[in-house]
Amino acid sequence: MGASRRFDALQFQSSRSGTAGFSVTTAITGASGHVGAALSRALLEAGEQLRLLVHEDTRALEGLAAHRVRADLTDPDSLRRAFEDVEVVYHLAASISLDGRHVELLRRVNIEGTRNVLQACRICRVRRLIHFSTIEALSDLNPRKPTDENNPLADRNNTTLYGWTKAESERLVLEAAADGLDAVIIAPTAILGPFDCKPSHLGKSLLDLYHNRLPALIRGGFNWVDVRDVVAGSLAAQQRARRGERYILSGSWRSLPEMADLVQKITGRKTPRLALPVWLARGASRIAGVLPGLSSKYPAFTPDALLAISKHRGVSCEKARLELDYNPRPIEVTLQDTFQWFRQQGFLED
């Protein structure tokens, strides 16, 4: 199935039948996350037989006819059991934090966990690994030049703590590919879209905008991409990507105030007008530790978060367009479908 195929908001269907007799060929780590939930549905629709690695919260996978196994990235034995007889592994599981307080957790899950995944793939003779990274793993040293796959991997001095741990995990994957493992890397930007069951940090931000929970915004922004386009790109990468290569899956850059305006136009709900400059928010965050931000439940405007919204304004997905037939949809369509899905799931209070 090529990446040119569109995955619409309510397209994914699943049987509620049992999983007895499945001959598992594909495994997904982090299957219960936002991308994992969408990817699982797309693979099932394509006729794949799945083994979904889960940790605790499995709400996103309810009703899916796929075998679930408990596994932990920090437990090598659980990964080896999970990858037995598997042909393809999509490695999505990661720890995400922008508040700078979870250094050890990020290192243990994102770096050592990836090391364990690679070793399990070797032992189980997995045919292909698709490793999910992030645009934050790449340096943004020249703001006049769009970020592309030729940008060097970031170090701790020029990205967030999360981005640094993902850069270190990429180094491990690239070393494994050079040593013979058939592994490829995809690097999405900021992901939005349907099937955000928990919801994610960015999904919570949209809901906070809708429910008028935010006193102010920041003038920075992200390159935003639809989760369904990330899924389409990852499916194409499994089929056509070259071993040891990285593919950026991006969409379009919008500032946070621009996103708030779009949310207001789409939903009719009033969103904040006040937008603080990044320098002012950065000074306040250094004094106060955190500044109330995009989510009432997540400290969005920490120093790391402010760094994230100040980088990668220009991002090129030309390599993915040429090699994976990647074609991201407009952010307006993503927001319309996301709020439609949120409403159907009962997340919106009128």
C-alpha atoms as a PDB file:
ATOM      1  CA  MET A   1       0.000   0.000   0.000  1.00  0.00           C
ATOM      2  CA  GLY A   2       1.659   3.252  -1.130  1.00  0.00           C
ATOM      3  CA  ALA A   3       1.857   6.470   0.849  1.00  0.00           C
ATOM      4  CA  SER A   4      -0.244   8.231  -1.769  1.00  0.00           C
ATOM      5  CA  ARG A   5      -3.362   6.574  -0.378  1.00  0.00           C
ATOM      6  CA  ARG A   6      -5.355   8.844   1.916  1.00  0.00           C
ATOM      7  CA  PHE A   7      -6.376   7.611   5.353  1.00  0.00           C
ATOM      8  CA  ASP A   8      -9.567   9.503   6.168  1.00  0.00           C
ATOM      9  CA  ALA A   9     -10.784  10.300   9.663  1.00  0.00           C
ATOM     10  CA  LEU A  10     -13.263   7.464  10.012  1.00  0.00           C
ATOM     11  CA  GLN A  11     -11.850   5.080   7.449  1.00  0.00           C
ATOM     12  CA  PHE A  12     -10.183   2.558   9.737  1.00  0.00           C
ATOM     13  CA  GLN A  13     -12.468  -0.348  10.573  1.00  0.00           C
ATOM     14  CA  SER A  14     -11.771  -3.439  12.635  1.00  0.00           C
ATOM     15  CA  SER A  15     -13.359  -6.751  13.498  1.00  0.00           C
ATOM     16  CA  ARG A  16     -14.198  -7.565  17.090  1.00  0.00           C
ATOM     17  CA  SER A  17     -13.465 -11.232  16.567  1.00  0.00           C
ATOM     18  CA  GLY A  18     -10.817 -13.035  18.574  1.00  0.00           C
ATOM     19  CA  THR A  19      -7.200 -13.449  17.550  1.00  0.00           C
ATOM     20  CA  ALA A  20      -6.846 -17.206  17.781  1.00  0.00           C
ATOM     21  CA  GLY A  21      -4.919 -18.689  14.874  1.00  0.00           C
ATOM     22  CA  PHE A  22      -3.172 -15.443  13.846  1.00  0.00           C
ATOM     23  CA  SER A  23       0.185 -15.926  12.146  1.00  0.00           C
ATOM     24  CA  VAL A  24       1.811 -12.733  13.387  1.00  0.00           C
ATOM     25  CA  THR A  25       4.073 -10.957  10.907  1.00  0.00           C
ATOM     26  CA  THR A  26       4.203  -7.347  12.148  1.00  0.00           C
ATOM     27  CA  ALA A  27       4.907  -5.971  15.625  1.00  0.00           C
ATOM     28  CA  ILE A  28       4.367  -2.417  16.875  1.00  0.00           C
ATOM     29  CA  THR A  29       6.008  -1.019  19.997  1.00  0.00           C
ATOM     30  CA  GLY A  30       4.056   1.848  21.516  1.00  0.00           C
ATOM     31  CA  ALA A  31       0.914   0.560  19.810  1.00  0.00           C
ATOM     32  CA  SER A  32      -1.437   2.262  22.261  1.00  0.00           C
ATOM     33  CA  GLY A  33      -0.108   5.766  21.556  1.00  0.00           C
ATOM     34  CA  HIS A  34      -1.541   8.244  19.064  1.00  0.00           C
ATOM     35  CA  VAL A  35       0.530   7.116  16.070  1.00  0.00           C
ATOM     36  CA  GLY A  36       0.364   3.492  17.146  1.00  0.00           C
ATOM     37  CA  ALA A  37      -3.433   3.542  17.260  1.00  0.00           C
ATOM     38  CA  ALA A  38      -3.657   4.976  13.742  1.00  0.00           C
ATOM     39  CA  LEU A  39      -0.928   2.704  12.382  1.00  0.00           C
ATOM     40  CA  SER A  40      -2.580  -0.404  13.861  1.00  0.00           C
ATOM     41  CA  ARG A  41      -5.863   0.424  12.139  1.00  0.00           C
ATOM     42  CA  ALA A  42      -4.183   1.079   8.798  1.00  0.00           C
ATOM     43  CA  LEU A  43      -2.243  -2.183   8.931  1.00  0.00           C
ATOM     44  CA  LEU A  44      -5.334  -4.176   9.875  1.00  0.00           C
ATOM     45  CA  GLU A  45      -7.239  -2.555   7.011  1.00  0.00           C
ATOM     46  CA  ALA A  46      -4.405  -3.596   4.700  1.00  0.00           C
ATOM     47  CA  GLY A  47      -4.773  -7.207   5.845  1.00  0.00           C
ATOM     48  CA  GLU A  48      -1.713  -7.369   8.094  1.00  0.00           C
ATOM     49  CA  GLN A  49      -1.641  -9.635  11.122  1.00  0.00           C
ATOM     50  CA  LEU A  50      -0.354  -7.782  14.129  1.00  0.00           C
ATOM     51  CA  ARG A  51       1.310  -8.215  17.483  1.00  0.00           C
ATOM     52  CA  LEU A  52       0.755  -5.039  19.485  1.00  0.00           C
ATOM     53  CA  LEU A  53       3.223  -4.380  22.282  1.00  0.00           C
ATOM     54  CA  VAL A  54       1.539  -2.534  25.126  1.00  0.00           C
ATOM     55  CA  HIS A  55       2.576  -1.328  28.546  1.00  0.00           C
ATOM     56  CA  GLU A  56      -0.391  -0.070  30.555  1.00  0.00           C
ATOM     57  CA  ASP A  57      -3.106   2.056  28.915  1.00  0.00           C
ATOM     58  CA  THR A  58      -4.732   0.184  26.000  1.00  0.00           C
ATOM     59  CA  ARG A  59      -7.864   2.305  25.411  1.00  0.00           C
ATOM     60  CA  ALA A  60      -6.699   3.227  21.911  1.00  0.00           C
ATOM     61  CA  LEU A  61      -6.744  -0.433  20.848  1.00  0.00           C
ATOM     62  CA  GLU A  62     -10.221  -1.409  22.018  1.00  0.00           C
ATOM     63  CA  GLY A  63     -12.060  -3.535  19.440  1.00  0.00           C
ATOM     64  CA  LEU A  64      -9.004  -4.244  17.290  1.00  0.00           C
ATOM     65  CA  ALA A  65      -8.579  -7.849  16.164  1.00  0.00           C
ATOM     66  CA  ALA A  66      -4.886  -8.061  16.949  1.00  0.00           C
ATOM     67  CA  HIS A  67      -2.798  -9.978  19.449  1.00  0.00           C
ATOM     68  CA  ARG A  68      -1.610  -7.832  22.365  1.00  0.00           C
ATOM     69  CA  VAL A  69       1.426  -8.645  24.462  1.00  0.00           C
ATOM     70  CA  ARG A  70       2.775  -6.930  27.548  1.00  0.00           C
ATOM     71  CA  ALA A  71       6.295  -5.713  26.956  1.00  0.00           C
ATOM     72  CA  ASP A  72       8.704  -3.154  28.330  1.00  0.00           C
ATOM     73  CA  LEU A  73      11.549  -1.506  26.430  1.00  0.00           C
ATOM     74  CA  THR A  74      13.721  -1.831  29.506  1.00  0.00           C
ATOM     75  CA  ASP A  75      13.118  -5.610  29.666  1.00  0.00           C
ATOM     76  CA  PRO A  76      15.112  -7.305  26.867  1.00  0.00           C
ATOM     77  CA  ASP A  77      13.518 -10.699  27.499  1.00  0.00           C
ATOM     78  CA  SER A  78      10.007  -9.316  26.980  1.00  0.00           C
ATOM     79  CA  LEU A  79      11.080  -7.854  23.627  1.00  0.00           C
ATOM     80  CA  ARG A  80      12.646 -11.102  22.465  1.00  0.00           C
ATOM     81  CA  ARG A  81       9.440 -12.967  23.290  1.00  0.00           C
ATOM     82  CA  ALA A  82       7.359 -10.323  21.524  1.00  0.00           C
ATOM     83  CA  PHE A  83       9.467 -10.363  18.330  1.00  0.00           C
ATOM     84  CA  GLU A  84       9.552 -14.117  17.911  1.00  0.00           C
ATOM     85  CA  ASP A  85       8.435 -15.058  14.360  1.00  0.00           C
ATOM     86  CA  VAL A  86       7.890 -11.378  13.473  1.00  0.00           C
ATOM     87  CA  GLU A  87       8.976 -10.110  10.047  1.00  0.00           C
ATOM     88  CA  VAL A  88       8.577  -6.334  10.491  1.00  0.00           C
ATOM     89  CA  VAL A  89       8.860  -4.158  13.598  1.00  0.00           C
ATOM     90  CA  TYR A  90       7.591  -0.592  13.852  1.00  0.00           C
ATOM     91  CA  HIS A  91       9.369   0.947  16.832  1.00  0.00           C
ATOM     92  CA  LEU A  92       7.201   3.823  18.080  1.00  0.00           C
ATOM     93  CA  ALA A  93       7.470   3.516  21.866  1.00  0.00           C
ATOM     94  CA  ALA A  94       9.259   6.416  23.546  1.00  0.00           C
ATOM     95  CA  SER A  95       9.158   8.631  26.582  1.00  0.00           C
ATOM     96  CA  ILE A  96       8.242  12.236  25.731  1.00  0.00           C
ATOM     97  CA  SER A  97       8.920  15.128  28.080  1.00  0.00           C
ATOM     98  CA  LEU A  98       9.767  18.801  27.630  1.00  0.00           C
ATOM     99  CA  ASP A  99       9.977  19.842  31.264  1.00  0.00           C
ATOM    100  CA  GLY A 100      13.576  18.729  31.875  1.00  0.00           C
ATOM    101  CA  ARG A 101      12.766  16.731  35.008  1.00  0.00           C
ATOM    102  CA  HIS A 102      12.868  13.225  33.578  1.00  0.00           C
ATOM    103  CA  VAL A 103      16.437  12.842  32.384  1.00  0.00           C
ATOM    104  CA  GLU A 104      16.909   9.278  33.588  1.00  0.00           C
ATOM    105  CA  LEU A 105      13.533   8.077  32.295  1.00  0.00           C
ATOM    106  CA  LEU A 106      14.188   9.543  28.848  1.00  0.00           C
ATOM    107  CA  ARG A 107      17.651   8.007  28.713  1.00  0.00           C
ATOM    108  CA  ARG A 108      16.468   4.599  29.901  1.00  0.00           C
ATOM    109  CA  VAL A 109      13.480   4.368  27.550  1.00  0.00           C
ATOM    110  CA  ASN A 110      14.609   6.230  24.451  1.00  0.00           C
ATOM    111  CA  ILE A 111      18.278   5.258  24.310  1.00  0.00           C
ATOM    112  CA  GLU A 112      18.641   1.994  26.226  1.00  0.00           C
ATOM    113  CA  GLY A 113      15.169   0.875  25.123  1.00  0.00           C
ATOM    114  CA  THR A 114      16.129   1.326  21.482  1.00  0.00           C
ATOM    115  CA  ARG A 115      19.351  -0.597  22.111  1.00  0.00           C
ATOM    116  CA  ASN A 116      17.224  -3.456  23.475  1.00  0.00           C
ATOM    117  CA  VAL A 117      14.863  -3.313  20.474  1.00  0.00           C
ATOM    118  CA  LEU A 118      17.801  -3.537  18.065  1.00  0.00           C
ATOM    119  CA  GLN A 119      19.269  -6.507  19.900  1.00  0.00           C
ATOM    120  CA  ALA A 120      15.891  -8.301  19.932  1.00  0.00           C
ATOM    121  CA  CYS A 121      15.528  -7.672  16.184  1.00  0.00           C
ATOM    122  CA  ARG A 122      18.915  -9.257  15.563  1.00  0.00           C
ATOM    123  CA  ILE A 123      18.224 -12.281  17.749  1.00  0.00           C
ATOM    124  CA  CYS A 124      14.770 -12.851  16.231  1.00  0.00           C
ATOM    125  CA  ARG A 125      15.997 -12.180  12.692  1.00  0.00           C
ATOM    126  CA  VAL A 126      13.414  -9.485  12.032  1.00  0.00           C
ATOM    127  CA  ARG A 127      13.391  -8.691   8.319  1.00  0.00           C
ATOM    128  CA  ARG A 128      12.929  -4.893   8.602  1.00  0.00           C
ATOM    129  CA  LEU A 129      12.792  -2.309  11.403  1.00  0.00           C
ATOM    130  CA  ILE A 130      11.063   1.064  10.968  1.00  0.00           C
ATOM    131  CA  HIS A 131      12.335   3.333  13.724  1.00  0.00           C
ATOM    132  CA  PHE A 132      10.265   6.405  14.594  1.00  0.00           C
ATOM    133  CA  SER A 133      12.370   9.417  15.502  1.00  0.00           C
ATOM    134  CA  THR A 134      11.487  13.134  15.535  1.00  0.00           C
ATOM    135  CA  ILE A 135      12.497  16.353  13.836  1.00  0.00           C
ATOM    136  CA  GLU A 136      13.870  17.397  17.247  1.00  0.00           C
ATOM    137  CA  ALA A 137      16.666  14.858  16.790  1.00  0.00           C
ATOM    138  CA  LEU A 138      18.143  17.002  14.000  1.00  0.00           C
ATOM    139  CA  SER A 139      20.195  20.152  14.471  1.00  0.00           C
ATOM    140  CA  ASP A 140      18.745  23.426  13.224  1.00  0.00           C
ATOM    141  CA  LEU A 141      21.967  25.356  12.853  1.00  0.00           C
ATOM    142  CA  ASN A 142      21.051  27.520   9.845  1.00  0.00           C
ATOM    143  CA  PRO A 143      17.581  29.102  10.145  1.00  0.00           C
ATOM    144  CA  ARG A 144      17.841  30.328   6.516  1.00  0.00           C
ATOM    145  CA  LYS A 145      18.055  26.754   5.228  1.00  0.00           C
ATOM    146  CA  PRO A 146      15.159  24.303   5.570  1.00  0.00           C
ATOM    147  CA  THR A 147      15.870  21.314   7.772  1.00  0.00           C
ATOM    148  CA  ASP A 148      16.317  18.175   5.697  1.00  0.00           C
ATOM    149  CA  GLU A 149      17.833  14.706   6.050  1.00  0.00           C
ATOM    150  CA  ASN A 150      21.340  16.122   5.607  1.00  0.00           C
ATOM    151  CA  ASN A 151      21.187  18.095   8.840  1.00  0.00           C
ATOM    152  CA  PRO A 152      23.495  16.569  11.459  1.00  0.00           C
ATOM    153  CA  LEU A 153      22.054  14.847  14.495  1.00  0.00           C
ATOM    154  CA  ALA A 154      21.586  17.238  17.393  1.00  0.00           C
ATOM    155  CA  ASP A 155      23.543  17.269  20.630  1.00  0.00           C
ATOM    156  CA  ARG A 156      22.412  18.378  24.060  1.00  0.00           C
ATOM    157  CA  ASN A 157      23.524  21.964  23.389  1.00  0.00           C
ATOM    158  CA  ASN A 158      21.196  22.591  20.436  1.00  0.00           C
ATOM    159  CA  THR A 159      17.996  20.666  21.079  1.00  0.00           C
ATOM    160  CA  THR A 160      15.645  19.591  23.830  1.00  0.00           C
ATOM    161  CA  LEU A 161      16.466  16.782  26.227  1.00  0.00           C
ATOM    162  CA  TYR A 162      13.868  14.644  24.454  1.00  0.00           C
ATOM    163  CA  GLY A 163      15.380  15.522  21.065  1.00  0.00           C
ATOM    164  CA  TRP A 164      18.857  14.633  22.309  1.00  0.00           C
ATOM    165  CA  THR A 165      17.777  11.184  23.530  1.00  0.00           C
ATOM    166  CA  LYS A 166      16.066  10.546  20.189  1.00  0.00           C
ATOM    167  CA  ALA A 167      19.226  11.661  18.372  1.00  0.00           C
ATOM    168  CA  GLU A 168      21.226   9.169  20.435  1.00  0.00           C
ATOM    169  CA  SER A 169      18.726   6.437  19.598  1.00  0.00           C
ATOM    170  CA  GLU A 170      19.089   7.299  15.892  1.00  0.00           C
ATOM    171  CA  ARG A 171      22.843   6.868  16.180  1.00  0.00           C
ATOM    172  CA  LEU A 172      22.264   3.370  17.503  1.00  0.00           C
ATOM    173  CA  VAL A 173      19.919   2.549  14.624  1.00  0.00           C
ATOM    174  CA  LEU A 174      22.338   3.891  12.025  1.00  0.00           C
ATOM    175  CA  GLU A 175      25.164   1.839  13.539  1.00  0.00           C
ATOM    176  CA  ALA A 176      22.990  -1.283  13.445  1.00  0.00           C
ATOM    177  CA  ALA A 177      22.053  -0.614   9.810  1.00  0.00           C
ATOM    178  CA  ALA A 178      25.704  -0.198   8.895  1.00  0.00           C
ATOM    179  CA  ASP A 179      26.334  -3.539  10.605  1.00  0.00           C
ATOM    180  CA  GLY A 180      23.728  -5.313   8.480  1.00  0.00           C
ATOM    181  CA  LEU A 181      20.340  -4.812  10.158  1.00  0.00           C
ATOM    182  CA  ASP A 182      17.689  -3.713   7.654  1.00  0.00           C
ATOM    183  CA  ALA A 183      16.549  -0.590   9.483  1.00  0.00           C
ATOM    184  CA  VAL A 184      15.155   2.748   8.309  1.00  0.00           C
ATOM    185  CA  ILE A 185      14.290   5.928  10.206  1.00  0.00           C
ATOM    186  CA  ILE A 186      11.316   8.229   9.831  1.00  0.00           C
ATOM    187  CA  ALA A 187      11.277  11.644  11.510  1.00  0.00           C
ATOM    188  CA  PRO A 188       7.848  13.258  11.855  1.00  0.00           C
ATOM    189  CA  THR A 189       7.230  16.823  12.966  1.00  0.00           C
ATOM    190  CA  ALA A 190       4.466  17.810  15.464  1.00  0.00           C
ATOM    191  CA  ILE A 191       1.659  15.269  15.063  1.00  0.00           C
ATOM    192  CA  LEU A 192      -2.084  16.004  15.196  1.00  0.00           C
ATOM    193  CA  GLY A 193      -5.115  14.081  13.996  1.00  0.00           C
ATOM    194  CA  PRO A 194      -7.869  11.590  14.844  1.00  0.00           C
ATOM    195  CA  PHE A 195      -7.438   8.494  17.055  1.00  0.00           C
ATOM    196  CA  ASP A 196      -5.811  10.589  19.790  1.00  0.00           C
ATOM    197  CA  CYS A 197      -7.451   8.590  22.547  1.00  0.00           C
ATOM    198  CA  LYS A 198      -5.495   9.556  25.654  1.00  0.00           C
ATOM    199  CA  PRO A 199      -5.093  12.374  24.304  1.00  0.00           C
ATOM    200  CA  SER A 200      -1.490  13.353  23.519  1.00  0.00           C
ATOM    201  CA  HIS A 201       0.134  16.560  24.772  1.00  0.00           C
ATOM    202  CA  LEU A 202      -0.695  18.307  21.492  1.00  0.00           C
ATOM    203  CA  GLY A 203      -4.208  16.892  21.515  1.00  0.00           C
ATOM    204  CA  LYS A 204      -4.687  18.285  25.031  1.00  0.00           C
ATOM    205  CA  SER A 205      -3.506  21.653  23.730  1.00  0.00           C
ATOM    206  CA  LEU A 206      -6.236  21.656  21.064  1.00  0.00           C
ATOM    207  CA  LEU A 207      -8.836  20.738  23.662  1.00  0.00           C
ATOM    208  CA  ASP A 208      -7.611  23.514  25.948  1.00  0.00           C
ATOM    209  CA  LEU A 209      -7.987  25.985  23.078  1.00  0.00           C
ATOM    210  CA  TYR A 210     -11.503  24.732  22.431  1.00  0.00           C
ATOM    211  CA  HIS A 211     -12.519  24.955  26.092  1.00  0.00           C
ATOM    212  CA  ASN A 212     -10.987  28.425  26.546  1.00  0.00           C
ATOM    213  CA  ARG A 213      -8.627  27.282  29.302  1.00  0.00           C
ATOM    214  CA  LEU A 214      -5.662  29.358  28.164  1.00  0.00           C
ATOM    215  CA  PRO A 215      -4.986  32.962  29.173  1.00  0.00           C
ATOM    216  CA  ALA A 216      -2.318  33.520  26.516  1.00  0.00           C
ATOM    217  CA  LEU A 217      -0.257  31.989  23.715  1.00  0.00           C
ATOM    218  CA  ILE A 218       3.365  32.221  22.589  1.00  0.00           C
ATOM    219  CA  ARG A 219       4.420  33.549  19.183  1.00  0.00           C
ATOM    220  CA  GLY A 220       6.500  30.517  18.274  1.00  0.00           C
ATOM    221  CA  GLY A 221       5.170  27.563  16.336  1.00  0.00           C
ATOM    222  CA  PHE A 222       5.679  24.084  14.915  1.00  0.00           C
ATOM    223  CA  ASN A 223       5.675  22.290  11.630  1.00  0.00           C
ATOM    224  CA  TRP A 224       2.434  20.298  12.001  1.00  0.00           C
ATOM    225  CA  VAL A 225       1.657  16.996  10.296  1.00  0.00           C
ATOM    226  CA  ASP A 226      -1.399  14.740  10.187  1.00  0.00           C
ATOM    227  CA  VAL A 227      -1.076  11.393  11.953  1.00  0.00           C
ATOM    228  CA  ARG A 228      -2.663   9.673   8.920  1.00  0.00           C
ATOM    229  CA  ASP A 229       0.060  11.076   6.661  1.00  0.00           C
ATOM    230  CA  VAL A 230       2.739   9.870   9.089  1.00  0.00           C
ATOM    231  CA  VAL A 231       1.123   6.429   8.942  1.00  0.00           C
ATOM    232  CA  ALA A 232       1.030   6.492   5.132  1.00  0.00           C
ATOM    233  CA  GLY A 233       4.676   7.509   5.024  1.00  0.00           C
ATOM    234  CA  SER A 234       5.700   4.763   7.432  1.00  0.00           C
ATOM    235  CA  LEU A 235       3.862   2.110   5.401  1.00  0.00           C
ATOM    236  CA  ALA A 236       5.650   3.279   2.273  1.00  0.00           C
ATOM    237  CA  ALA A 237       8.957   3.285   4.168  1.00  0.00           C
ATOM    238  CA  GLN A 238       8.423  -0.353   5.113  1.00  0.00           C
ATOM    239  CA  GLN A 239       8.057  -1.203   1.440  1.00  0.00           C
ATOM    240  CA  ARG A 240      10.400   1.152  -0.390  1.00  0.00           C
ATOM    241  CA  ALA A 241      12.797   2.995   1.910  1.00  0.00           C
ATOM    242  CA  ARG A 242      16.509   2.359   1.532  1.00  0.00           C
ATOM    243  CA  ARG A 243      18.290   0.673   4.428  1.00  0.00           C
ATOM    244  CA  GLY A 244      19.994   3.060   6.803  1.00  0.00           C
ATOM    245  CA  GLU A 245      18.208   6.135   5.425  1.00  0.00           C
ATOM    246  CA  ARG A 246      16.214   8.805   7.264  1.00  0.00           C
ATOM    247  CA  TYR A 247      12.973  10.265   5.884  1.00  0.00           C
ATOM    248  CA  ILE A 248      11.408  13.452   7.245  1.00  0.00           C
ATOM    249  CA  LEU A 249       7.590  13.356   7.345  1.00  0.00           C
ATOM    250  CA  SER A 250       6.507  16.960   7.708  1.00  0.00           C
ATOM    251  CA  GLY A 251       3.469  19.078   6.921  1.00  0.00           C
ATOM    252  CA  SER A 252       3.279  22.857   7.193  1.00  0.00           C
ATOM    253  CA  TRP A 253       4.534  25.425   9.707  1.00  0.00           C
ATOM    254  CA  ARG A 254       1.996  27.503  11.612  1.00  0.00           C
ATOM    255  CA  SER A 255       2.506  29.733  14.628  1.00  0.00           C
ATOM    256  CA  LEU A 256       0.526  29.012  17.781  1.00  0.00           C
ATOM    257  CA  PRO A 257      -1.609  32.157  17.280  1.00  0.00           C
ATOM    258  CA  GLU A 258      -2.326  31.036  13.697  1.00  0.00           C
ATOM    259  CA  MET A 259      -3.388  27.621  14.983  1.00  0.00           C
ATOM    260  CA  ALA A 260      -5.659  29.282  17.525  1.00  0.00           C
ATOM    261  CA  ASP A 261      -7.263  31.332  14.748  1.00  0.00           C
ATOM    262  CA  LEU A 262      -7.870  28.166  12.724  1.00  0.00           C
ATOM    263  CA  VAL A 263      -9.423  26.436  15.727  1.00  0.00           C
ATOM    264  CA  GLN A 264     -11.738  29.406  16.217  1.00  0.00           C
ATOM    265  CA  LYS A 265     -12.795  29.395  12.548  1.00  0.00           C
ATOM    266  CA  ILE A 266     -13.396  25.640  12.505  1.00  0.00           C
ATOM    267  CA  THR A 267     -15.184  25.301  15.845  1.00  0.00           C
ATOM    268  CA  GLY A 268     -16.665  28.747  16.418  1.00  0.00           C
ATOM    269  CA  ARG A 269     -15.101  28.819  19.889  1.00  0.00           C
ATOM    270  CA  LYS A 270     -13.306  31.911  21.123  1.00  0.00           C
ATOM    271  CA  THR A 271      -9.539  31.446  21.480  1.00  0.00           C
ATOM    272  CA  PRO A 272      -6.912  33.692  23.171  1.00  0.00           C
ATOM    273  CA  ARG A 273      -5.849  36.904  21.467  1.00  0.00           C
ATOM    274  CA  LEU A 274      -2.862  37.662  23.700  1.00  0.00           C
ATOM    275  CA  ALA A 275       0.402  36.207  22.349  1.00  0.00           C
ATOM    276  CA  LEU A 276       3.641  36.669  24.292  1.00  0.00           C
ATOM    277  CA  PRO A 277       7.026  36.896  22.541  1.00  0.00           C
ATOM    278  CA  VAL A 278       9.281  33.904  23.086  1.00  0.00           C
ATOM    279  CA  TRP A 279      11.959  35.984  24.813  1.00  0.00           C
ATOM    280  CA  LEU A 280       9.491  37.164  27.445  1.00  0.00           C
ATOM    281  CA  ALA A 281       8.158  33.655  28.045  1.00  0.00           C
ATOM    282  CA  ARG A 282      11.730  32.328  28.240  1.00  0.00           C
ATOM    283  CA  GLY A 283      12.651  34.868  30.906  1.00  0.00           C
ATOM    284  CA  ALA A 284       9.534  34.090  32.908  1.00  0.00           C
ATOM    285  CA  SER A 285      10.096  30.348  32.683  1.00  0.00           C
ATOM    286  CA  ARG A 286      13.634  30.694  34.009  1.00  0.00           C
ATOM    287  CA  ILE A 287      12.384  32.654  36.986  1.00  0.00           C
ATOM    288  CA  ALA A 288       9.282  30.638  37.764  1.00  0.00           C
ATOM    289  CA  GLY A 289      10.388  27.203  36.580  1.00  0.00           C
ATOM    290  CA  VAL A 290       7.364  26.833  34.332  1.00  0.00           C
ATOM    291  CA  LEU A 291       4.889  29.270  32.837  1.00  0.00           C
ATOM    292  CA  PRO A 292       1.227  28.227  32.512  1.00  0.00           C
ATOM    293  CA  GLY A 293       0.978  27.318  28.892  1.00  0.00           C
ATOM    294  CA  LEU A 294      -0.743  25.479  26.132  1.00  0.00           C
ATOM    295  CA  SER A 295      -2.169  22.825  28.429  1.00  0.00           C
ATOM    296  CA  SER A 296      -3.651  23.128  31.875  1.00  0.00           C
ATOM    297  CA  LYS A 297      -2.296  19.650  32.643  1.00  0.00           C
ATOM    298  CA  TYR A 298       1.140  19.946  31.056  1.00  0.00           C
ATOM    299  CA  PRO A 299       3.797  22.629  31.637  1.00  0.00           C
ATOM    300  CA  ALA A 300       4.167  23.641  28.001  1.00  0.00           C
ATOM    301  CA  PHE A 301       6.313  26.748  28.334  1.00  0.00           C
ATOM    302  CA  THR A 302       9.418  25.334  29.957  1.00  0.00           C
ATOM    303  CA  PRO A 303      12.855  26.237  28.553  1.00  0.00           C
ATOM    304  CA  ASP A 304      12.880  23.030  26.485  1.00  0.00           C
ATOM    305  CA  ALA A 305       9.370  23.650  25.157  1.00  0.00           C
ATOM    306  CA  LEU A 306      10.254  27.224  24.218  1.00  0.00           C
ATOM    307  CA  LEU A 307      13.326  25.934  22.396  1.00  0.00           C
ATOM    308  CA  ALA A 308      11.143  23.473  20.475  1.00  0.00           C
ATOM    309  CA  ILE A 309       8.729  26.147  19.226  1.00  0.00           C
ATOM    310  CA  SER A 310      11.652  28.360  18.151  1.00  0.00           C
ATOM    311  CA  LYS A 311      13.318  25.819  15.825  1.00  0.00           C
ATOM    312  CA  HIS A 312      12.739  24.097  12.490  1.00  0.00           C
ATOM    313  CA  ARG A 313      10.513  26.755  10.954  1.00  0.00           C
ATOM    314  CA  GLY A 314      11.544  25.517   7.531  1.00  0.00           C
ATOM    315  CA  VAL A 315      11.367  21.747   7.017  1.00  0.00           C
ATOM    316  CA  SER A 316      11.685  19.862   3.727  1.00  0.00           C
ATOM    317  CA  CYS A 317       9.976  16.531   3.062  1.00  0.00           C
ATOM    318  CA  GLU A 318      11.189  16.414  -0.552  1.00  0.00           C
ATOM    319  CA  LYS A 319      13.096  13.171  -0.058  1.00  0.00           C
ATOM    320  CA  ALA A 320       9.949  11.449   1.215  1.00  0.00           C
ATOM    321  CA  ARG A 321       7.931  12.936  -1.651  1.00  0.00           C
ATOM    322  CA  LEU A 322      10.348  11.530  -4.227  1.00  0.00           C
ATOM    323  CA  GLU A 323      11.057   8.124  -2.704  1.00  0.00           C
ATOM    324  CA  LEU A 324       7.883   7.361  -0.719  1.00  0.00           C
ATOM    325  CA  ASP A 325       5.240   9.240  -2.717  1.00  0.00           C
ATOM    326  CA  TYR A 326       4.590  11.259   0.435  1.00  0.00           C
ATOM    327  CA  ASN A 327       1.885  13.900   0.090  1.00  0.00           C
ATOM    328  CA  PRO A 328       0.724  15.543   3.343  1.00  0.00           C
ATOM    329  CA  ARG A 329      -2.713  17.133   3.533  1.00  0.00           C
ATOM    330  CA  PRO A 330      -3.449  20.756   4.549  1.00  0.00           C
ATOM    331  CA  ILE A 331      -3.470  21.491   8.275  1.00  0.00           C
ATOM    332  CA  GLU A 332      -7.006  22.881   7.957  1.00  0.00           C
ATOM    333  CA  VAL A 333      -8.259  19.433   6.945  1.00  0.00           C
ATOM    334  CA  THR A 334      -6.396  17.853   9.852  1.00  0.00           C
ATOM    335  CA  LEU A 335      -7.980  20.221  12.366  1.00  0.00           C
ATOM    336  CA  GLN A 336     -11.476  19.739  10.939  1.00  0.00           C
ATOM    337  CA  ASP A 337     -11.184  15.958  11.129  1.00  0.00           C
ATOM    338  CA  THR A 338      -9.573  16.048  14.566  1.00  0.00           C
ATOM    339  CA  PHE A 339     -12.366  18.092  16.103  1.00  0.00           C
ATOM    340  CA  GLN A 340     -14.944  15.916  14.372  1.00  0.00           C
ATOM    341  CA  TRP A 341     -13.304  12.876  15.972  1.00  0.00           C
ATOM    342  CA  PHE A 342     -13.033  14.605  19.370  1.00  0.00           C
ATOM    343  CA  ARG A 343     -16.760  15.370  19.212  1.00  0.00           C
ATOM    344  CA  GLN A 344     -17.659  11.788  18.332  1.00  0.00           C
ATOM    345  CA  GLN A 345     -15.582  10.571  21.280  1.00  0.00           C
ATOM    346  CA  GLY A 346     -17.227  12.976  23.731  1.00  0.00           C
ATOM    347  CA  PHE A 347     -14.158  15.163  24.354  1.00  0.00           C
ATOM    348  CA  LEU A 348     -15.935  18.437  23.507  1.00  0.00           C
ATOM    349  CA  GLU A 349     -18.157  20.191  26.042  1.00  0.00           C
ATOM    350  CA  ASP A 350     -20.706  22.512  24.450  1.00  0.00           C
END
